[in-house]
Amino acid sequence: MDLHEFRLKRELYSVGQAAAGFAIVALVLMGIGGTIYKVISPEGWVAQAFGRSLAAGAAALGSLALIGALAWYSRGWSAPRVRNRFSDLLVYTFAGAGLIYVAQLWLKGSF
């Protein structure tokens, strides 16, 4: 194997790594977006938890306020010096949820 073939294999490996990373990021974003949609939609989890007595608009507003408060709280965290398994679990859980949402969207046409 000459140097040119080695560089080509290394570049193909890098392209594969980048494609896999892009797919994981896309699935995580779909998982987060789908979960937020499932929470604040009129027939979402909050509306189901409180029943139909609570207006869908109030449930959506409360959910958005909760999500906003959590986002504001999380901005104060500094980057961890040591990588822990909880962050990996969180990322792959949202990626799995994104995969489920993509499958539902593809099979049923909606969430």
C-alpha atoms as a PDB file:
ATOM      1  CA  MET A   1       0.000   0.000   0.000  1.00  0.00           C
ATOM      2  CA  ASP A   2       1.489   3.297  -1.002  1.00  0.00           C
ATOM      3  CA  LEU A   3       1.118   6.650   0.679  1.00  0.00           C
ATOM      4  CA  HIS A   4      -1.665   7.834  -1.650  1.00  0.00           C
ATOM      5  CA  GLU A   5      -3.912   4.856  -0.827  1.00  0.00           C
ATOM      6  CA  PHE A   6      -3.293   5.341   2.885  1.00  0.00           C
ATOM      7  CA  ARG A   7      -4.292   9.013   2.715  1.00  0.00           C
ATOM      8  CA  LEU A   8      -7.396   8.124   0.695  1.00  0.00           C
ATOM      9  CA  LYS A   9      -8.501   5.556   3.279  1.00  0.00           C
ATOM     10  CA  ARG A  10      -7.880   8.042   6.066  1.00  0.00           C
ATOM     11  CA  GLU A  11      -9.938  10.704   4.262  1.00  0.00           C
ATOM     12  CA  LEU A  12     -12.784   8.257   3.618  1.00  0.00           C
ATOM     13  CA  TYR A  13     -12.769   7.323   7.283  1.00  0.00           C
ATOM     14  CA  SER A  14     -12.949  11.012   8.209  1.00  0.00           C
ATOM     15  CA  VAL A  15     -15.870  11.572   5.832  1.00  0.00           C
ATOM     16  CA  GLY A  16     -17.662   8.585   7.371  1.00  0.00           C
ATOM     17  CA  GLN A  17     -17.073   9.948  10.868  1.00  0.00           C
ATOM     18  CA  ALA A  18     -18.417  13.363   9.836  1.00  0.00           C
ATOM     19  CA  ALA A  19     -21.514  11.794   8.240  1.00  0.00           C
ATOM     20  CA  ALA A  20     -22.199   9.720  11.358  1.00  0.00           C
ATOM     21  CA  GLY A  21     -21.772  12.795  13.560  1.00  0.00           C
ATOM     22  CA  PHE A  22     -24.148  14.792  11.370  1.00  0.00           C
ATOM     23  CA  ALA A  23     -26.732  11.998  11.560  1.00  0.00           C
ATOM     24  CA  ILE A  24     -26.497  11.888  15.370  1.00  0.00           C
ATOM     25  CA  VAL A  25     -26.852  15.678  15.606  1.00  0.00           C
ATOM     26  CA  ALA A  26     -29.872  15.616  13.274  1.00  0.00           C
ATOM     27  CA  LEU A  27     -31.525  12.857  15.315  1.00  0.00           C
ATOM     28  CA  VAL A  28     -30.825  14.660  18.606  1.00  0.00           C
ATOM     29  CA  LEU A  29     -32.341  17.884  17.250  1.00  0.00           C
ATOM     30  CA  MET A  30     -35.359  15.957  15.992  1.00  0.00           C
ATOM     31  CA  GLY A  31     -35.679  14.274  19.386  1.00  0.00           C
ATOM     32  CA  ILE A  32     -35.536  17.553  21.291  1.00  0.00           C
ATOM     33  CA  GLY A  33     -37.920  19.301  18.901  1.00  0.00           C
ATOM     34  CA  GLY A  34     -40.348  16.380  18.850  1.00  0.00           C
ATOM     35  CA  THR A  35     -40.314  16.132  22.630  1.00  0.00           C
ATOM     36  CA  ILE A  36     -41.016  19.853  23.007  1.00  0.00           C
ATOM     37  CA  TYR A  37     -43.840  19.513  20.479  1.00  0.00           C
ATOM     38  CA  LYS A  38     -45.269  16.521  22.364  1.00  0.00           C
ATOM     39  CA  VAL A  39     -45.200  18.547  25.592  1.00  0.00           C
ATOM     40  CA  ILE A  40     -46.795  21.799  24.391  1.00  0.00           C
ATOM     41  CA  SER A  41     -49.176  20.661  21.656  1.00  0.00           C
ATOM     42  CA  PRO A  42     -52.927  20.965  22.340  1.00  0.00           C
ATOM     43  CA  GLU A  43     -53.196  17.173  22.679  1.00  0.00           C
ATOM     44  CA  GLY A  44     -49.749  16.952  24.267  1.00  0.00           C
ATOM     45  CA  TRP A  45     -48.565  15.393  27.486  1.00  0.00           C
ATOM     46  CA  VAL A  46     -49.368  18.424  29.652  1.00  0.00           C
ATOM     47  CA  ALA A  47     -52.923  18.692  28.297  1.00  0.00           C
ATOM     48  CA  GLN A  48     -53.402  14.943  28.850  1.00  0.00           C
ATOM     49  CA  ALA A  49     -52.026  15.159  32.378  1.00  0.00           C
ATOM     50  CA  PHE A  50     -54.408  17.939  33.421  1.00  0.00           C
ATOM     51  CA  GLY A  51     -57.346  16.795  31.329  1.00  0.00           C
ATOM     52  CA  ARG A  52     -59.499  18.970  29.165  1.00  0.00           C
ATOM     53  CA  SER A  53     -60.406  21.280  32.039  1.00  0.00           C
ATOM     54  CA  LEU A  54     -57.208  23.261  31.485  1.00  0.00           C
ATOM     55  CA  ALA A  55     -57.188  25.281  28.282  1.00  0.00           C
ATOM     56  CA  ALA A  56     -54.652  24.173  25.704  1.00  0.00           C
ATOM     57  CA  GLY A  57     -53.252  27.677  25.488  1.00  0.00           C
ATOM     58  CA  ALA A  58     -52.585  27.849  29.216  1.00  0.00           C
ATOM     59  CA  ALA A  59     -50.919  24.442  29.139  1.00  0.00           C
ATOM     60  CA  ALA A  60     -48.723  25.497  26.242  1.00  0.00           C
ATOM     61  CA  LEU A  61     -47.848  28.773  27.967  1.00  0.00           C
ATOM     62  CA  GLY A  62     -46.970  27.001  31.197  1.00  0.00           C
ATOM     63  CA  SER A  63     -44.866  24.471  29.325  1.00  0.00           C
ATOM     64  CA  LEU A  64     -43.013  27.196  27.478  1.00  0.00           C
ATOM     65  CA  ALA A  65     -42.380  29.014  30.749  1.00  0.00           C
ATOM     66  CA  LEU A  66     -40.986  25.815  32.276  1.00  0.00           C
ATOM     67  CA  ILE A  67     -38.758  25.149  29.263  1.00  0.00           C
ATOM     68  CA  GLY A  68     -37.572  28.772  29.339  1.00  0.00           C
ATOM     69  CA  ALA A  69     -36.792  28.559  33.049  1.00  0.00           C
ATOM     70  CA  LEU A  70     -34.822  25.350  32.567  1.00  0.00           C
ATOM     71  CA  ALA A  71     -32.905  26.887  29.659  1.00  0.00           C
ATOM     72  CA  TRP A  72     -32.104  29.974  31.751  1.00  0.00           C
ATOM     73  CA  TYR A  73     -30.977  27.798  34.663  1.00  0.00           C
ATOM     74  CA  SER A  74     -28.788  25.579  32.482  1.00  0.00           C
ATOM     75  CA  ARG A  75     -26.852  28.481  30.968  1.00  0.00           C
ATOM     76  CA  GLY A  76     -25.023  28.934  34.244  1.00  0.00           C
ATOM     77  CA  TRP A  77     -23.365  25.539  34.023  1.00  0.00           C
ATOM     78  CA  SER A  78     -19.728  25.551  33.077  1.00  0.00           C
ATOM     79  CA  ALA A  79     -18.271  23.021  30.700  1.00  0.00           C
ATOM     80  CA  PRO A  80     -17.403  19.843  32.578  1.00  0.00           C
ATOM     81  CA  ARG A  81     -13.732  19.017  32.881  1.00  0.00           C
ATOM     82  CA  VAL A  82     -14.410  15.303  33.026  1.00  0.00           C
ATOM     83  CA  ARG A  83     -16.827  13.655  30.649  1.00  0.00           C
ATOM     84  CA  ASN A  84     -19.494  11.661  32.428  1.00  0.00           C
ATOM     85  CA  ARG A  85     -21.863   8.977  31.217  1.00  0.00           C
ATOM     86  CA  PHE A  86     -25.013  10.977  32.002  1.00  0.00           C
ATOM     87  CA  SER A  87     -24.369  13.377  29.141  1.00  0.00           C
ATOM     88  CA  ASP A  88     -23.803  10.461  26.740  1.00  0.00           C
ATOM     89  CA  LEU A  89     -27.018   8.837  27.954  1.00  0.00           C
ATOM     90  CA  LEU A  90     -28.932  12.093  27.482  1.00  0.00           C
ATOM     91  CA  VAL A  91     -27.622  12.591  23.941  1.00  0.00           C
ATOM     92  CA  TYR A  92     -28.351   9.042  22.847  1.00  0.00           C
ATOM     93  CA  THR A  93     -31.770   9.088  24.514  1.00  0.00           C
ATOM     94  CA  PHE A  94     -32.740  12.156  22.503  1.00  0.00           C
ATOM     95  CA  ALA A  95     -31.237  10.556  19.391  1.00  0.00           C
ATOM     96  CA  GLY A  96     -33.404   7.478  20.001  1.00  0.00           C
ATOM     97  CA  ALA A  97     -36.456   9.671  20.503  1.00  0.00           C
ATOM     98  CA  GLY A  98     -35.582  11.476  17.280  1.00  0.00           C
ATOM     99  CA  LEU A  99     -35.383   8.148  15.478  1.00  0.00           C
ATOM    100  CA  ILE A 100     -38.825   7.221  16.805  1.00  0.00           C
ATOM    101  CA  TYR A 101     -40.270  10.594  15.775  1.00  0.00           C
ATOM    102  CA  VAL A 102     -38.755  10.310  12.289  1.00  0.00           C
ATOM    103  CA  ALA A 103     -40.208   6.792  11.938  1.00  0.00           C
ATOM    104  CA  GLN A 104     -43.650   8.005  13.069  1.00  0.00           C
ATOM    105  CA  LEU A 105     -43.467  10.946  10.701  1.00  0.00           C
ATOM    106  CA  TRP A 106     -42.468   8.686   7.839  1.00  0.00           C
ATOM    107  CA  LEU A 107     -45.025   5.929   8.536  1.00  0.00           C
ATOM    108  CA  LYS A 108     -48.040   7.947   9.696  1.00  0.00           C
ATOM    109  CA  GLY A 109     -47.300  11.392   8.295  1.00  0.00           C
ATOM    110  CA  SER A 110     -47.561  12.987  11.752  1.00  0.00           C
ATOM    111  CA  PHE A 111     -46.282  12.604  15.291  1.00  0.00           C
END
